[in-house]
Each structure stands twice: as structure tokens, then as C-alpha cells.
């Protein structure tokens, strides 16, 4: 493989947004909202996963459900804003990753996140 094997002419960018929720129903509601309002092309829900973290000086461990949101550059700001608005946590995890995808998949993500008039 070449040194630049992770980015070829056949790939283009999509954004992956990660967030966690305390229960499956809330995660599902948020996922439905993001897709319905075209902030995301697809949202996968994983879980339960175990999260260990420090909060207000204490070590916490909780079962959570992780959203993996696929979105486009044009929908990213709206996606993050909608996640922040929909999220019940005081400090929600919202992590944005820039990823390479096949041209066909990236085009589909872009098409699904275009605002309809």
C-alpha cells in the first residue's frame, strides 16, 4: 500500500458525530429527529456500552447508548446544534470526526442532508 492509502481519489469527506445517552428510548428519539430534519443521513445506535468517567470529583460508571451520526459538511452545524438542543445531559458528549468515505456513499450522505424547500 502507498503511504497515502487512507485518502485516495475515490474517497471524499463525511462527518461522524458521536454522542452518548443514558437510555435507548432517548437515543432513538434523538436519532429519529436528526434524520427526519435532515441533519443526518443515518444514525446508528450502539449499546449498552460502559462509560467510566470523572464527574464532579467522583469516578462514575454508567451504561449508555452511543449514537454514531453520519452527516455532511453542509449539515454539520445544524446537526451539532440539534444534538445540543435535544440532549438531556448537562454536558453532552458531542465529538466530531472528519472521515473519508467512498464517493458514492459521501454523495448519498450529502443528498440525504440537503434541505428540502
C-alpha atoms as a PDB file:
ATOM      1  CA  UNK A   1       0.000   0.000   0.000  1.00  0.00           C
ATOM      2  CA  UNK A   2       1.075   3.511  -0.639  1.00  0.00           C
ATOM      3  CA  UNK A   3       1.792   5.938   2.181  1.00  0.00           C
ATOM      4  CA  UNK A   4      -1.418   7.787   1.365  1.00  0.00           C
ATOM      5  CA  UNK A   5      -3.639   4.670   1.483  1.00  0.00           C
ATOM      6  CA  UNK A   6      -6.285   6.322   3.704  1.00  0.00           C
ATOM      7  CA  UNK A   7      -7.194   9.083   1.218  1.00  0.00           C
ATOM      8  CA  UNK A   8      -7.484   8.283  -2.464  1.00  0.00           C
ATOM      9  CA  UNK A   9      -9.116   9.926  -5.447  1.00  0.00           C
ATOM     10  CA  UNK A  10     -12.101   7.586  -4.899  1.00  0.00           C
ATOM     11  CA  UNK A  11     -12.925   8.985  -1.449  1.00  0.00           C
ATOM     12  CA  UNK A  12     -14.465  12.151  -0.162  1.00  0.00           C
ATOM     13  CA  UNK A  13     -15.312  13.577   3.258  1.00  0.00           C
ATOM     14  CA  UNK A  14     -18.218  12.851   5.547  1.00  0.00           C
ATOM     15  CA  UNK A  15     -18.521  13.763   9.204  1.00  0.00           C
ATOM     16  CA  UNK A  16     -19.119  11.309  12.024  1.00  0.00           C
ATOM     17  CA  UNK A  17     -20.646  12.734  15.172  1.00  0.00           C
ATOM     18  CA  UNK A  18     -20.504  10.681  18.371  1.00  0.00           C
ATOM     19  CA  UNK A  19     -22.752  11.182  21.367  1.00  0.00           C
ATOM     20  CA  UNK A  20     -23.976   9.066  24.288  1.00  0.00           C
ATOM     21  CA  UNK A  21     -27.349   8.822  26.009  1.00  0.00           C
ATOM     22  CA  UNK A  22     -28.479   7.274  29.278  1.00  0.00           C
ATOM     23  CA  UNK A  23     -31.236   5.152  27.753  1.00  0.00           C
ATOM     24  CA  UNK A  24     -32.162   3.605  24.421  1.00  0.00           C
ATOM     25  CA  UNK A  25     -35.509   5.429  24.073  1.00  0.00           C
ATOM     26  CA  UNK A  26     -33.913   8.879  24.328  1.00  0.00           C
ATOM     27  CA  UNK A  27     -31.154   7.849  21.909  1.00  0.00           C
ATOM     28  CA  UNK A  28     -33.790   6.573  19.456  1.00  0.00           C
ATOM     29  CA  UNK A  29     -35.835   9.780  19.739  1.00  0.00           C
ATOM     30  CA  UNK A  30     -32.760  11.888  19.023  1.00  0.00           C
ATOM     31  CA  UNK A  31     -31.718   9.654  16.096  1.00  0.00           C
ATOM     32  CA  UNK A  32     -35.207   9.918  14.565  1.00  0.00           C
ATOM     33  CA  UNK A  33     -35.167  13.712  14.981  1.00  0.00           C
ATOM     34  CA  UNK A  34     -31.762  14.077  13.303  1.00  0.00           C
ATOM     35  CA  UNK A  35     -32.771  12.001  10.274  1.00  0.00           C
ATOM     36  CA  UNK A  36     -36.287  13.476   9.982  1.00  0.00           C
ATOM     37  CA  UNK A  37     -34.929  17.027   9.951  1.00  0.00           C
ATOM     38  CA  UNK A  38     -32.117  16.073   7.540  1.00  0.00           C
ATOM     39  CA  UNK A  39     -29.337  16.844   9.996  1.00  0.00           C
ATOM     40  CA  UNK A  40     -28.097  13.283   9.423  1.00  0.00           C
ATOM     41  CA  UNK A  41     -28.252  10.742   6.629  1.00  0.00           C
ATOM     42  CA  UNK A  42     -28.000   7.801   9.011  1.00  0.00           C
ATOM     43  CA  UNK A  43     -27.684   7.284  12.755  1.00  0.00           C
ATOM     44  CA  UNK A  44     -26.543   4.029  14.326  1.00  0.00           C
ATOM     45  CA  UNK A  45     -27.268   3.236  17.976  1.00  0.00           C
ATOM     46  CA  UNK A  46     -24.807   1.013  19.841  1.00  0.00           C
ATOM     47  CA  UNK A  47     -25.209  -0.291  23.318  1.00  0.00           C
ATOM     48  CA  UNK A  48     -25.376  -0.605  26.006  1.00  0.00           C
ATOM     49  CA  UNK A  49     -21.754   0.397  26.340  1.00  0.00           C
ATOM     50  CA  UNK A  50     -19.998   1.027  29.642  1.00  0.00           C
ATOM     51  CA  UNK A  51     -18.639   4.531  30.221  1.00  0.00           C
ATOM     52  CA  UNK A  52     -16.211   5.277  33.043  1.00  0.00           C
ATOM     53  CA  UNK A  53     -15.512   8.945  33.706  1.00  0.00           C
ATOM     54  CA  UNK A  54     -14.868  11.519  36.374  1.00  0.00           C
ATOM     55  CA  UNK A  55     -17.753  13.863  37.218  1.00  0.00           C
ATOM     56  CA  UNK A  56     -17.728  16.460  39.988  1.00  0.00           C
ATOM     57  CA  UNK A  57     -14.732  14.810  41.648  1.00  0.00           C
ATOM     58  CA  UNK A  58     -16.163  11.281  41.650  1.00  0.00           C
ATOM     59  CA  UNK A  59     -15.423   8.296  39.425  1.00  0.00           C
ATOM     60  CA  UNK A  60     -18.666   7.270  37.723  1.00  0.00           C
ATOM     61  CA  UNK A  61     -19.525   4.189  35.662  1.00  0.00           C
ATOM     62  CA  UNK A  62     -22.745   4.016  33.675  1.00  0.00           C
ATOM     63  CA  UNK A  63     -24.363   2.055  30.889  1.00  0.00           C
ATOM     64  CA  UNK A  64     -25.022   4.329  27.933  1.00  0.00           C
ATOM     65  CA  UNK A  65     -26.154   4.152  24.326  1.00  0.00           C
ATOM     66  CA  UNK A  66     -23.863   5.653  21.699  1.00  0.00           C
ATOM     67  CA  UNK A  67     -25.056   7.413  18.580  1.00  0.00           C
ATOM     68  CA  UNK A  68     -22.861   7.331  15.501  1.00  0.00           C
ATOM     69  CA  UNK A  69     -24.263  10.065  13.274  1.00  0.00           C
ATOM     70  CA  UNK A  70     -23.280  10.324   9.597  1.00  0.00           C
ATOM     71  CA  UNK A  71     -23.631  13.819   8.180  1.00  0.00           C
ATOM     72  CA  UNK A  72     -22.239  16.186   5.560  1.00  0.00           C
ATOM     73  CA  UNK A  73     -20.276  19.402   5.793  1.00  0.00           C
ATOM     74  CA  UNK A  74     -23.351  21.453   4.868  1.00  0.00           C
ATOM     75  CA  UNK A  75     -25.454  19.833   7.634  1.00  0.00           C
ATOM     76  CA  UNK A  76     -22.795  19.601  10.352  1.00  0.00           C
ATOM     77  CA  UNK A  77     -23.523  22.845  12.228  1.00  0.00           C
ATOM     78  CA  UNK A  78     -27.261  22.133  12.291  1.00  0.00           C
ATOM     79  CA  UNK A  79     -26.602  18.564  13.396  1.00  0.00           C
ATOM     80  CA  UNK A  80     -24.458  19.657  16.340  1.00  0.00           C
ATOM     81  CA  UNK A  81     -26.962  22.364  17.314  1.00  0.00           C
ATOM     82  CA  UNK A  82     -29.857  19.873  17.188  1.00  0.00           C
ATOM     83  CA  UNK A  83     -27.899  17.375  19.290  1.00  0.00           C
ATOM     84  CA  UNK A  84     -27.176  20.031  21.893  1.00  0.00           C
ATOM     85  CA  UNK A  85     -30.837  21.064  21.982  1.00  0.00           C
ATOM     86  CA  UNK A  86     -32.206  17.500  22.151  1.00  0.00           C
ATOM     87  CA  UNK A  87     -29.685  16.152  24.662  1.00  0.00           C
ATOM     88  CA  UNK A  88     -30.756  15.732  28.303  1.00  0.00           C
ATOM     89  CA  UNK A  89     -27.221  15.758  29.800  1.00  0.00           C
ATOM     90  CA  UNK A  90     -25.756  18.865  31.464  1.00  0.00           C
ATOM     91  CA  UNK A  91     -22.584  18.270  29.458  1.00  0.00           C
ATOM     92  CA  UNK A  92     -23.332  16.072  26.444  1.00  0.00           C
ATOM     93  CA  UNK A  93     -20.575  14.262  24.627  1.00  0.00           C
ATOM     94  CA  UNK A  94     -20.507  15.638  21.092  1.00  0.00           C
ATOM     95  CA  UNK A  95     -17.372  14.590  19.221  1.00  0.00           C
ATOM     96  CA  UNK A  96     -16.993  15.377  15.520  1.00  0.00           C
ATOM     97  CA  UNK A  97     -14.656  13.342  13.325  1.00  0.00           C
ATOM     98  CA  UNK A  98     -13.807  14.085   9.706  1.00  0.00           C
ATOM     99  CA  UNK A  99     -13.735  10.805   7.774  1.00  0.00           C
ATOM    100  CA  UNK A 100     -13.043   9.582   4.256  1.00  0.00           C
ATOM    101  CA  UNK A 101     -15.819   7.641   2.552  1.00  0.00           C
ATOM    102  CA  UNK A 102     -16.384   6.250  -0.906  1.00  0.00           C
ATOM    103  CA  UNK A 103     -17.573   8.820  -3.394  1.00  0.00           C
ATOM    104  CA  UNK A 104     -20.918   7.033  -3.762  1.00  0.00           C
ATOM    105  CA  UNK A 105     -21.553   6.902  -0.003  1.00  0.00           C
ATOM    106  CA  UNK A 106     -20.472  10.503   0.542  1.00  0.00           C
ATOM    107  CA  UNK A 107     -22.791  11.605  -2.277  1.00  0.00           C
ATOM    108  CA  UNK A 108     -25.667   9.725  -0.635  1.00  0.00           C
ATOM    109  CA  UNK A 109     -24.922  11.381   2.726  1.00  0.00           C
ATOM    110  CA  UNK A 110     -24.852  14.782   1.041  1.00  0.00           C
ATOM    111  CA  UNK A 111     -28.117  14.124  -0.805  1.00  0.00           C
ATOM    112  CA  UNK A 112     -29.889  12.961   2.363  1.00  0.00           C
ATOM    113  CA  UNK A 113     -28.848  16.065   4.292  1.00  0.00           C
ATOM    114  CA  UNK A 114     -29.841  18.673   1.729  1.00  0.00           C
ATOM    115  CA  UNK A 115     -32.615  20.936   2.965  1.00  0.00           C
ATOM    116  CA  UNK A 116     -35.862  20.473   1.055  1.00  0.00           C
ATOM    117  CA  UNK A 117     -37.990  23.520   0.292  1.00  0.00           C
END
